[in-house]
Amino acid sequence: MHELSIAMSIIDIACEESRTRGDARVIAVHLKIGRMSGVVSEALLSAFELAREDTLLAAAELKIEDMPVRVHCPQCGCEQLADSIQCLCCSVCGTLSPEITQGCELEVVAMELEPMEVV
């Protein structure tokens, strides 16, 4: 289950960012996950909940945006959604489109942080 190692990396990234911002509390981490990334979102969510225990992210939420597969069509010359991940063809003209422009990503795109209260 490689989702656990991915979840741990996300936590490391968020903890590092929290420390650079004066130990701000991490409320949420936003990800973009492409359908061709090889990551199962539900497994990543479960792994994140397990890995976040006893860290600065113990109460943080993982918000995932599912990214569809887009291809650049050599026939139409534009970017289109692929018919499916099994057939990377232009959804307009049906031409096989080997250039994937979206759908492989796995990236942290934002974090919601809250300053720690000083007592």
Foldseek 3Di string as FASTA:
>chain_A
DCLLVVLLVQLVVVQVVCVVVVNWQWAEWEKEAFQQQPDDVVVNQVSNCVNCPPGSCPNHHYHYDYKFWWFQAPVVRHIAGAPHPVARAHPPPRHRGPGIDDRNDIDGDDIDTHGDDDD
